[in-house]
Amino acid sequence: MDQAMGPWIITRFINSEGHPDDWSDQANLVCIILANDDGEIMTMTSEYDTYPTFPGGEPELQDDYYEFIHETIERTTGCKVQITGGEPMASTKMWWDELCQLTWCYRGRVVGTGHPTMKQEDTEALDGLRANFMSVEDTMAMLEGSEPETEFAQCSKERDLYFLRMYVEAVAAEKSTGS
């Protein structure tokens, strides 16, 4: 995997031709690694996927990403969110075909006693997506052990592993400084 533009971003090219500035399609994604009081993190799993992902979505260009995460998590899972630090902890950039995907990852925690339950009226619930909490170690093992079938899915797996490692580093740094 190529590292570029500082330690906080992964750049990955998939079936790409031409220069990224020439491309017109861009997808912006936002996700969050969300911990509960037990230190477990929320993952989204599907009957169709072999690995967990982190909750989030694709905001409109004019959306405030900070607010988007709050609204999306509460709407889809019923959980209230407190974002740690207010800024994304990491971001990635991937290109494939004619599309550039930028993903920003926040970290935060569930406020109160929320337990994720996908709301039946939500499209994700109808598509078989489930939210649950897993230990960081189990999430890491599940991601590392997965075998995505497409190159895009493999890149998504690498992205999520990168985000999870950045999360582990941020939590460790926070504990060492007593913040």
N, C-alpha and C. Protein backbone atom coordinates (compact mmCIF):
# COMPACT_ATOMS: atom_id res chain seq x y z
N MET A 1 0.84 -1.17 0.00
CA MET A 1 0.00 0.00 0.00
C MET A 1 0.89 1.23 0.00
N ASP A 2 0.57 2.20 -0.84
CA ASP A 2 1.36 3.42 -0.92
C ASP A 2 0.94 4.39 0.17
N GLN A 3 1.90 4.98 0.85
CA GLN A 3 1.62 6.04 1.82
C GLN A 3 1.93 7.36 1.12
N ALA A 4 1.06 8.33 1.25
CA ALA A 4 1.29 9.62 0.62
C ALA A 4 0.62 10.73 1.41
N MET A 5 1.07 11.95 1.18
CA MET A 5 0.45 13.13 1.75
C MET A 5 0.44 13.10 3.27
N GLY A 6 1.52 12.64 3.89
CA GLY A 6 1.61 12.64 5.35
C GLY A 6 1.22 11.29 5.92
N PRO A 7 1.46 11.10 7.19
CA PRO A 7 1.20 9.80 7.81
C PRO A 7 -0.27 9.50 8.02
N TRP A 8 -1.13 10.45 7.77
CA TRP A 8 -2.54 10.28 8.11
C TRP A 8 -3.41 9.87 6.92
N ILE A 9 -2.82 9.61 5.78
CA ILE A 9 -3.65 9.26 4.63
C ILE A 9 -3.04 8.12 3.83
N ILE A 10 -3.86 7.22 3.40
CA ILE A 10 -3.43 6.11 2.54
C ILE A 10 -3.91 6.45 1.13
N THR A 11 -3.05 6.30 0.18
CA THR A 11 -3.44 6.49 -1.21
C THR A 11 -3.37 5.15 -1.90
N ARG A 12 -4.42 4.77 -2.58
CA ARG A 12 -4.47 3.47 -3.23
C ARG A 12 -5.08 3.65 -4.61
N PHE A 13 -4.44 3.10 -5.63
CA PHE A 13 -4.95 3.15 -6.99
C PHE A 13 -5.44 1.78 -7.41
N ILE A 14 -6.64 1.73 -7.98
CA ILE A 14 -7.21 0.48 -8.48
C ILE A 14 -7.68 0.72 -9.91
N ASN A 15 -7.11 0.02 -10.85
CA ASN A 15 -7.52 0.14 -12.26
C ASN A 15 -7.57 1.59 -12.72
N SER A 16 -6.61 2.39 -12.31
CA SER A 16 -6.66 3.83 -12.58
C SER A 16 -5.82 4.21 -13.78
N GLU A 17 -6.36 5.09 -14.58
CA GLU A 17 -5.62 5.65 -15.70
C GLU A 17 -5.82 7.16 -15.67
N GLY A 18 -4.82 7.88 -16.10
CA GLY A 18 -4.93 9.33 -16.11
C GLY A 18 -4.59 9.93 -14.76
N HIS A 19 -4.73 11.22 -14.66
CA HIS A 19 -4.40 11.95 -13.44
C HIS A 19 -5.67 12.20 -12.64
N PRO A 20 -5.61 12.06 -11.30
CA PRO A 20 -6.82 12.25 -10.49
C PRO A 20 -7.51 13.60 -10.71
N ASP A 21 -6.76 14.66 -11.04
CA ASP A 21 -7.38 15.96 -11.25
C ASP A 21 -8.31 15.96 -12.47
N ASP A 22 -8.14 14.98 -13.36
CA ASP A 22 -8.97 14.90 -14.54
C ASP A 22 -10.29 14.17 -14.27
N TRP A 23 -10.42 13.56 -13.11
CA TRP A 23 -11.60 12.76 -12.83
C TRP A 23 -12.71 13.63 -12.28
N SER A 24 -13.93 13.30 -12.66
CA SER A 24 -15.06 14.11 -12.22
C SER A 24 -15.83 13.48 -11.08
N ASP A 25 -15.69 12.19 -10.87
CA ASP A 25 -16.47 11.51 -9.84
C ASP A 25 -15.68 11.41 -8.54
N GLN A 26 -16.30 11.87 -7.47
CA GLN A 26 -15.67 11.78 -6.16
C GLN A 26 -16.72 11.36 -5.15
N ALA A 27 -16.38 10.41 -4.31
CA ALA A 27 -17.27 9.98 -3.24
C ALA A 27 -16.63 10.34 -1.91
N ASN A 28 -17.37 11.01 -1.05
CA ASN A 28 -16.89 11.33 0.28
C ASN A 28 -17.64 10.44 1.27
N LEU A 29 -16.87 9.72 2.07
CA LEU A 29 -17.46 8.85 3.09
C LEU A 29 -16.97 9.30 4.45
N VAL A 30 -17.81 9.08 5.45
CA VAL A 30 -17.47 9.40 6.83
C VAL A 30 -17.83 8.19 7.67
N CYS A 31 -16.91 7.79 8.56
CA CYS A 31 -17.20 6.70 9.47
C CYS A 31 -16.70 7.07 10.86
N ILE A 32 -17.09 6.25 11.84
CA ILE A 32 -16.65 6.50 13.21
C ILE A 32 -16.38 5.16 13.88
N ILE A 33 -15.29 5.13 14.64
CA ILE A 33 -15.05 3.99 15.51
C ILE A 33 -15.59 4.42 16.87
N LEU A 34 -16.65 3.77 17.26
CA LEU A 34 -17.48 4.18 18.37
C LEU A 34 -17.39 3.15 19.49
N ALA A 35 -16.92 3.57 20.67
CA ALA A 35 -16.73 2.65 21.80
C ALA A 35 -17.87 2.78 22.81
N ASN A 36 -18.16 1.67 23.47
CA ASN A 36 -19.11 1.72 24.59
C ASN A 36 -18.30 1.79 25.89
N ASP A 37 -18.97 1.77 27.03
CA ASP A 37 -18.28 1.89 28.33
C ASP A 37 -17.36 0.71 28.63
N ASP A 38 -17.58 -0.42 27.96
CA ASP A 38 -16.73 -1.60 28.16
C ASP A 38 -15.52 -1.62 27.25
N GLY A 39 -15.37 -0.58 26.41
CA GLY A 39 -14.24 -0.52 25.50
C GLY A 39 -14.45 -1.29 24.21
N GLU A 40 -15.64 -1.87 24.02
CA GLU A 40 -15.94 -2.55 22.77
C GLU A 40 -16.31 -1.50 21.74
N ILE A 41 -16.13 -1.84 20.46
CA ILE A 41 -16.43 -0.89 19.40
C ILE A 41 -17.60 -1.38 18.55
N MET A 42 -18.36 -0.42 18.05
CA MET A 42 -19.51 -0.76 17.22
C MET A 42 -19.03 -1.16 15.83
N THR A 43 -19.55 -2.27 15.36
CA THR A 43 -19.27 -2.71 14.00
C THR A 43 -20.60 -2.96 13.30
N MET A 44 -20.53 -2.88 11.99
CA MET A 44 -21.69 -3.16 11.16
C MET A 44 -21.37 -4.43 10.39
N THR A 45 -22.25 -5.40 10.49
CA THR A 45 -22.04 -6.64 9.75
C THR A 45 -23.28 -6.94 8.91
N SER A 46 -23.06 -7.71 7.88
CA SER A 46 -24.13 -8.06 6.96
C SER A 46 -24.06 -9.54 6.68
N GLU A 47 -25.19 -10.11 6.36
CA GLU A 47 -25.20 -11.52 5.97
C GLU A 47 -24.45 -11.75 4.66
N TYR A 48 -24.15 -10.66 3.93
CA TYR A 48 -23.49 -10.77 2.63
C TYR A 48 -21.97 -10.57 2.71
N ASP A 49 -21.49 -9.93 3.79
CA ASP A 49 -20.07 -9.60 3.90
C ASP A 49 -19.35 -10.56 4.84
N THR A 50 -18.05 -10.69 4.62
CA THR A 50 -17.25 -11.58 5.46
C THR A 50 -16.45 -10.82 6.50
N TYR A 51 -16.64 -9.52 6.58
CA TYR A 51 -15.89 -8.74 7.56
C TYR A 51 -16.72 -7.56 8.04
N PRO A 52 -16.40 -7.07 9.25
CA PRO A 52 -17.15 -5.94 9.79
C PRO A 52 -16.67 -4.62 9.20
N THR A 53 -17.54 -3.64 9.20
CA THR A 53 -17.17 -2.27 8.83
C THR A 53 -17.59 -1.36 9.98
N PHE A 54 -17.24 -0.10 9.87
CA PHE A 54 -17.58 0.85 10.91
C PHE A 54 -18.78 1.68 10.46
N PRO A 55 -19.62 2.10 11.40
CA PRO A 55 -20.81 2.85 11.02
C PRO A 55 -20.45 4.20 10.40
N GLY A 56 -21.32 4.65 9.52
CA GLY A 56 -21.10 5.92 8.84
C GLY A 56 -21.95 5.99 7.60
N GLY A 57 -21.49 6.75 6.63
CA GLY A 57 -22.26 6.87 5.40
C GLY A 57 -21.63 7.87 4.45
N GLU A 58 -22.41 8.23 3.45
CA GLU A 58 -21.95 9.13 2.40
C GLU A 58 -22.70 10.45 2.48
N PRO A 59 -22.08 11.47 3.09
CA PRO A 59 -22.75 12.77 3.21
C PRO A 59 -22.80 13.50 1.87
N GLU A 60 -23.72 14.43 1.77
CA GLU A 60 -23.76 15.33 0.63
C GLU A 60 -22.60 16.31 0.78
N LEU A 61 -22.14 16.90 -0.31
CA LEU A 61 -21.00 17.81 -0.25
C LEU A 61 -21.21 18.97 0.71
N GLN A 62 -22.44 19.46 0.83
CA GLN A 62 -22.70 20.60 1.69
C GLN A 62 -22.89 20.22 3.16
N ASP A 63 -22.95 18.92 3.47
CA ASP A 63 -23.17 18.48 4.85
C ASP A 63 -21.98 18.76 5.74
N ASP A 64 -22.24 19.04 6.99
CA ASP A 64 -21.22 19.13 8.02
C ASP A 64 -20.97 17.69 8.49
N TYR A 65 -19.75 17.19 8.31
CA TYR A 65 -19.47 15.78 8.60
C TYR A 65 -19.66 15.43 10.07
N TYR A 66 -19.34 16.36 10.93
CA TYR A 66 -19.50 16.17 12.37
C TYR A 66 -20.97 15.92 12.70
N GLU A 67 -21.84 16.78 12.18
CA GLU A 67 -23.27 16.61 12.40
C GLU A 67 -23.80 15.37 11.69
N PHE A 68 -23.27 15.10 10.50
CA PHE A 68 -23.71 13.94 9.72
C PHE A 68 -23.52 12.65 10.52
N ILE A 69 -22.37 12.51 11.17
CA ILE A 69 -22.10 11.30 11.97
C ILE A 69 -23.11 11.18 13.10
N HIS A 70 -23.34 12.28 13.83
CA HIS A 70 -24.31 12.24 14.93
C HIS A 70 -25.68 11.78 14.43
N GLU A 71 -26.15 12.43 13.37
CA GLU A 71 -27.49 12.14 12.86
C GLU A 71 -27.59 10.72 12.30
N THR A 72 -26.57 10.29 11.56
CA THR A 72 -26.61 8.97 10.94
C THR A 72 -26.62 7.86 11.98
N ILE A 73 -25.75 7.97 12.98
CA ILE A 73 -25.68 6.92 14.01
C ILE A 73 -26.97 6.88 14.82
N GLU A 74 -27.47 8.04 15.21
CA GLU A 74 -28.71 8.04 15.99
C GLU A 74 -29.88 7.52 15.16
N ARG A 75 -29.95 7.94 13.89
CA ARG A 75 -31.05 7.50 13.02
C ARG A 75 -31.02 6.00 12.77
N THR A 76 -29.84 5.45 12.52
CA THR A 76 -29.77 4.04 12.15
C THR A 76 -29.69 3.09 13.33
N THR A 77 -29.09 3.52 14.44
CA THR A 77 -28.88 2.58 15.55
C THR A 77 -29.60 2.97 16.84
N GLY A 78 -30.07 4.22 16.92
CA GLY A 78 -30.70 4.67 18.14
C GLY A 78 -29.71 5.12 19.21
N CYS A 79 -28.41 5.06 18.94
CA CYS A 79 -27.38 5.45 19.90
C CYS A 79 -27.01 6.92 19.74
N LYS A 80 -26.80 7.57 20.87
CA LYS A 80 -26.27 8.94 20.85
C LYS A 80 -24.75 8.85 20.90
N VAL A 81 -24.09 9.82 20.24
CA VAL A 81 -22.65 9.78 20.03
C VAL A 81 -21.97 11.01 20.61
N GLN A 82 -20.81 10.80 21.22
CA GLN A 82 -19.92 11.91 21.58
C GLN A 82 -18.63 11.70 20.81
N ILE A 83 -18.31 12.64 19.91
CA ILE A 83 -17.09 12.52 19.10
C ILE A 83 -15.90 13.02 19.90
N THR A 84 -14.83 12.25 19.89
CA THR A 84 -13.61 12.60 20.61
C THR A 84 -12.77 13.53 19.75
N GLY A 85 -12.44 14.69 20.28
CA GLY A 85 -11.55 15.61 19.60
C GLY A 85 -12.17 16.51 18.56
N GLY A 86 -13.33 16.14 18.03
CA GLY A 86 -14.00 17.00 17.06
C GLY A 86 -13.48 16.92 15.64
N GLU A 87 -12.27 16.45 15.45
CA GLU A 87 -11.68 16.33 14.11
C GLU A 87 -11.50 14.85 13.76
N PRO A 88 -11.47 14.52 12.47
CA PRO A 88 -11.20 13.12 12.11
C PRO A 88 -9.83 12.68 12.63
N MET A 89 -9.73 11.43 13.08
CA MET A 89 -8.45 10.93 13.56
C MET A 89 -7.60 10.42 12.40
N ALA A 90 -8.23 10.13 11.27
CA ALA A 90 -7.50 9.62 10.11
C ALA A 90 -8.37 9.79 8.88
N SER A 91 -7.73 9.74 7.72
CA SER A 91 -8.47 9.78 6.46
C SER A 91 -7.70 8.98 5.42
N THR A 92 -8.43 8.54 4.42
CA THR A 92 -7.82 7.78 3.33
C THR A 92 -8.33 8.30 2.01
N LYS A 93 -7.58 7.99 0.98
CA LYS A 93 -7.97 8.35 -0.39
C LYS A 93 -7.70 7.13 -1.25
N MET A 94 -8.71 6.67 -1.97
CA MET A 94 -8.55 5.53 -2.87
C MET A 94 -9.13 5.91 -4.24
N TRP A 95 -8.46 5.48 -5.28
CA TRP A 95 -8.96 5.69 -6.63
C TRP A 95 -9.20 4.34 -7.28
N TRP A 96 -10.27 4.23 -8.02
CA TRP A 96 -10.48 3.08 -8.89
C TRP A 96 -11.33 3.53 -10.06
N ASP A 97 -11.01 2.93 -11.19
CA ASP A 97 -11.64 3.35 -12.44
C ASP A 97 -11.62 4.88 -12.51
N GLU A 98 -12.77 5.50 -12.60
CA GLU A 98 -12.84 6.96 -12.71
C GLU A 98 -13.31 7.63 -11.43
N LEU A 99 -13.26 6.92 -10.32
CA LEU A 99 -13.80 7.44 -9.07
C LEU A 99 -12.70 7.63 -8.03
N CYS A 100 -12.77 8.72 -7.31
CA CYS A 100 -11.88 8.99 -6.17
C CYS A 100 -12.75 8.95 -4.91
N GLN A 101 -12.38 8.10 -3.96
CA GLN A 101 -13.13 7.99 -2.71
C GLN A 101 -12.29 8.54 -1.56
N LEU A 102 -12.80 9.54 -0.88
CA LEU A 102 -12.14 10.09 0.31
C LEU A 102 -12.96 9.65 1.51
N THR A 103 -12.28 9.11 2.52
CA THR A 103 -12.97 8.65 3.73
C THR A 103 -12.34 9.30 4.94
N TRP A 104 -13.16 9.90 5.78
CA TRP A 104 -12.71 10.48 7.03
C TRP A 104 -13.23 9.61 8.17
N CYS A 105 -12.36 9.31 9.12
CA CYS A 105 -12.75 8.46 10.25
C CYS A 105 -12.60 9.23 11.56
N TYR A 106 -13.69 9.31 12.28
CA TYR A 106 -13.72 9.93 13.61
C TYR A 106 -13.63 8.81 14.65
N ARG A 107 -13.41 9.21 15.89
CA ARG A 107 -13.56 8.26 16.98
C ARG A 107 -14.43 8.89 18.04
N GLY A 108 -15.14 8.06 18.78
CA GLY A 108 -16.06 8.59 19.77
C GLY A 108 -16.56 7.50 20.68
N ARG A 109 -17.58 7.85 21.44
CA ARG A 109 -18.17 6.88 22.35
C ARG A 109 -19.68 7.05 22.37
N VAL A 110 -20.34 5.97 22.79
CA VAL A 110 -21.78 5.99 22.95
C VAL A 110 -22.08 6.74 24.24
N VAL A 111 -23.03 7.65 24.19
CA VAL A 111 -23.44 8.40 25.37
C VAL A 111 -24.66 7.72 25.98
N GLY A 112 -24.61 7.51 27.28
CA GLY A 112 -25.73 6.86 27.97
C GLY A 112 -25.64 5.35 27.83
N THR A 113 -26.78 4.73 27.87
CA THR A 113 -26.83 3.27 27.86
C THR A 113 -27.28 2.71 26.52
N GLY A 114 -27.05 3.46 25.47
CA GLY A 114 -27.51 3.03 24.15
C GLY A 114 -26.94 1.69 23.72
N HIS A 115 -27.80 0.87 23.18
CA HIS A 115 -27.38 -0.40 22.57
C HIS A 115 -27.91 -0.38 21.15
N PRO A 116 -27.05 -0.65 20.18
CA PRO A 116 -27.49 -0.50 18.79
C PRO A 116 -28.58 -1.48 18.38
N THR A 117 -29.60 -0.95 17.79
CA THR A 117 -30.64 -1.77 17.17
C THR A 117 -31.01 -1.08 15.87
N MET A 118 -30.83 -1.75 14.77
CA MET A 118 -31.15 -1.16 13.48
C MET A 118 -32.66 -0.95 13.42
N LYS A 119 -33.06 0.23 13.06
CA LYS A 119 -34.48 0.54 12.97
C LYS A 119 -35.05 -0.06 11.69
N GLN A 120 -36.15 -0.74 11.81
CA GLN A 120 -36.71 -1.49 10.69
C GLN A 120 -37.05 -0.63 9.48
N GLU A 121 -37.36 0.64 9.70
CA GLU A 121 -37.69 1.49 8.55
C GLU A 121 -36.44 1.94 7.81
N ASP A 122 -35.27 1.67 8.38
CA ASP A 122 -34.02 2.10 7.77
C ASP A 122 -33.60 1.13 6.67
N THR A 123 -33.12 1.68 5.58
CA THR A 123 -32.68 0.87 4.43
C THR A 123 -31.64 -0.15 4.84
N GLU A 124 -30.69 0.25 5.70
CA GLU A 124 -29.64 -0.67 6.11
C GLU A 124 -30.21 -1.90 6.80
N ALA A 125 -31.22 -1.70 7.65
CA ALA A 125 -31.83 -2.82 8.34
C ALA A 125 -32.52 -3.75 7.34
N LEU A 126 -33.17 -3.15 6.35
CA LEU A 126 -33.85 -3.95 5.35
C LEU A 126 -32.86 -4.73 4.48
N ASP A 127 -31.63 -4.22 4.36
CA ASP A 127 -30.60 -4.90 3.58
C ASP A 127 -29.83 -5.93 4.40
N GLY A 128 -30.25 -6.20 5.62
CA GLY A 128 -29.60 -7.22 6.44
C GLY A 128 -28.38 -6.73 7.21
N LEU A 129 -28.20 -5.44 7.31
CA LEU A 129 -27.07 -4.88 8.05
C LEU A 129 -27.42 -4.85 9.53
N ARG A 130 -26.46 -5.27 10.36
CA ARG A 130 -26.67 -5.29 11.80
C ARG A 130 -25.56 -4.52 12.49
N ALA A 131 -25.91 -3.81 13.55
CA ALA A 131 -24.93 -3.12 14.38
C ALA A 131 -24.77 -3.89 15.68
N ASN A 132 -23.52 -4.09 16.07
CA ASN A 132 -23.26 -4.74 17.35
C ASN A 132 -21.91 -4.28 17.89
N PHE A 133 -21.63 -4.58 19.14
CA PHE A 133 -20.36 -4.23 19.73
C PHE A 133 -19.47 -5.46 19.80
N MET A 134 -18.18 -5.26 19.46
CA MET A 134 -17.18 -6.32 19.52
C MET A 134 -15.93 -5.75 20.18
N SER A 135 -15.11 -6.61 20.76
CA SER A 135 -13.85 -6.13 21.30
C SER A 135 -12.96 -5.68 20.14
N VAL A 136 -12.04 -4.78 20.45
CA VAL A 136 -11.10 -4.32 19.43
C VAL A 136 -10.33 -5.51 18.87
N GLU A 137 -9.91 -6.41 19.77
CA GLU A 137 -9.14 -7.58 19.34
C GLU A 137 -9.93 -8.48 18.41
N ASP A 138 -11.21 -8.73 18.73
CA ASP A 138 -12.05 -9.56 17.86
C ASP A 138 -12.29 -8.89 16.51
N THR A 139 -12.48 -7.57 16.53
CA THR A 139 -12.68 -6.85 15.28
C THR A 139 -11.43 -6.93 14.42
N MET A 140 -10.26 -6.72 15.05
CA MET A 140 -9.00 -6.80 14.31
C MET A 140 -8.81 -8.21 13.72
N ALA A 141 -9.07 -9.23 14.52
CA ALA A 141 -8.91 -10.62 14.05
C ALA A 141 -9.87 -10.92 12.91
N MET A 142 -11.10 -10.45 13.02
CA MET A 142 -12.08 -10.70 11.96
C MET A 142 -11.67 -10.01 10.67
N LEU A 143 -11.21 -8.75 10.78
CA LEU A 143 -10.76 -8.03 9.58
C LEU A 143 -9.54 -8.71 8.97
N GLU A 144 -8.55 -9.02 9.80
CA GLU A 144 -7.32 -9.63 9.29
C GLU A 144 -7.58 -11.00 8.67
N GLY A 145 -8.52 -11.74 9.21
CA GLY A 145 -8.81 -13.09 8.71
C GLY A 145 -9.75 -13.14 7.53
N SER A 146 -10.35 -12.01 7.19
CA SER A 146 -11.31 -12.02 6.08
C SER A 146 -10.58 -12.12 4.74
N GLU A 147 -11.28 -12.65 3.76
CA GLU A 147 -10.73 -12.80 2.42
C GLU A 147 -11.70 -12.20 1.41
N PRO A 148 -11.63 -10.87 1.24
CA PRO A 148 -12.54 -10.22 0.30
C PRO A 148 -12.41 -10.79 -1.11
N GLU A 149 -13.54 -10.81 -1.82
CA GLU A 149 -13.57 -11.42 -3.14
C GLU A 149 -13.21 -10.46 -4.27
N THR A 150 -13.28 -9.15 -4.02
CA THR A 150 -12.97 -8.18 -5.06
C THR A 150 -11.81 -7.29 -4.63
N GLU A 151 -11.18 -6.65 -5.60
CA GLU A 151 -10.09 -5.74 -5.27
C GLU A 151 -10.60 -4.54 -4.48
N PHE A 152 -11.80 -4.06 -4.81
CA PHE A 152 -12.39 -2.97 -4.06
C PHE A 152 -12.60 -3.36 -2.60
N ALA A 153 -13.15 -4.55 -2.37
CA ALA A 153 -13.38 -5.02 -1.00
C ALA A 153 -12.06 -5.19 -0.25
N GLN A 154 -11.01 -5.64 -0.96
CA GLN A 154 -9.70 -5.78 -0.33
C GLN A 154 -9.18 -4.41 0.11
N CYS A 155 -9.37 -3.40 -0.73
CA CYS A 155 -8.94 -2.05 -0.36
C CYS A 155 -9.75 -1.50 0.80
N SER A 156 -11.03 -1.81 0.83
CA SER A 156 -11.86 -1.39 1.96
C SER A 156 -11.40 -2.06 3.25
N LYS A 157 -11.03 -3.31 3.15
CA LYS A 157 -10.50 -4.03 4.31
C LYS A 157 -9.21 -3.35 4.80
N GLU A 158 -8.30 -3.03 3.88
CA GLU A 158 -7.05 -2.36 4.25
C GLU A 158 -7.33 -1.01 4.89
N ARG A 159 -8.29 -0.27 4.34
CA ARG A 159 -8.67 1.02 4.90
C ARG A 159 -9.17 0.86 6.33
N ASP A 160 -10.06 -0.10 6.55
CA ASP A 160 -10.63 -0.29 7.88
C ASP A 160 -9.58 -0.78 8.88
N LEU A 161 -8.66 -1.62 8.43
CA LEU A 161 -7.56 -2.04 9.31
C LEU A 161 -6.69 -0.84 9.69
N TYR A 162 -6.43 0.03 8.73
CA TYR A 162 -5.66 1.25 9.00
C TYR A 162 -6.39 2.11 10.03
N PHE A 163 -7.70 2.31 9.85
CA PHE A 163 -8.46 3.10 10.80
C PHE A 163 -8.43 2.47 12.19
N LEU A 164 -8.57 1.16 12.26
CA LEU A 164 -8.58 0.48 13.56
C LEU A 164 -7.22 0.62 14.24
N ARG A 165 -6.14 0.50 13.48
CA ARG A 165 -4.80 0.68 14.07
C ARG A 165 -4.60 2.11 14.57
N MET A 166 -5.10 3.09 13.82
CA MET A 166 -5.01 4.48 14.25
C MET A 166 -5.83 4.69 15.53
N TYR A 167 -6.96 4.03 15.63
CA TYR A 167 -7.80 4.10 16.82
C TYR A 167 -7.05 3.54 18.03
N VAL A 168 -6.44 2.37 17.86
CA VAL A 168 -5.69 1.74 18.95
C VAL A 168 -4.56 2.67 19.41
N GLU A 169 -3.85 3.27 18.46
CA GLU A 169 -2.76 4.20 18.81
C GLU A 169 -3.31 5.42 19.56
N ALA A 170 -4.42 5.96 19.12
CA ALA A 170 -5.00 7.15 19.77
C ALA A 170 -5.45 6.83 21.19
N VAL A 171 -6.07 5.68 21.39
CA VAL A 171 -6.51 5.29 22.72
C VAL A 171 -5.31 5.07 23.64
N ALA A 172 -4.25 4.41 23.13
CA ALA A 172 -3.06 4.17 23.92
C ALA A 172 -2.38 5.50 24.30
N ALA A 173 -2.32 6.42 23.37
CA ALA A 173 -1.71 7.72 23.65
C ALA A 173 -2.53 8.48 24.70
N GLU A 174 -3.85 8.39 24.59
CA GLU A 174 -4.73 9.05 25.55
C GLU A 174 -4.52 8.47 26.95
N LYS A 175 -4.40 7.14 27.05
CA LYS A 175 -4.19 6.50 28.35
C LYS A 175 -2.82 6.87 28.94
N SER A 176 -1.81 6.97 28.09
CA SER A 176 -0.45 7.26 28.60
C SER A 176 -0.33 8.69 29.10
N THR A 177 -1.15 9.60 28.58
CA THR A 177 -1.10 10.99 29.05
C THR A 177 -2.15 11.26 30.11
N GLY A 178 -3.01 10.28 30.36
CA GLY A 178 -4.05 10.44 31.38
C GLY A 178 -5.18 11.35 30.97
N SER A 179 -5.35 11.59 29.67
CA SER A 179 -6.44 12.47 29.19
C SER A 179 -7.76 11.77 29.23
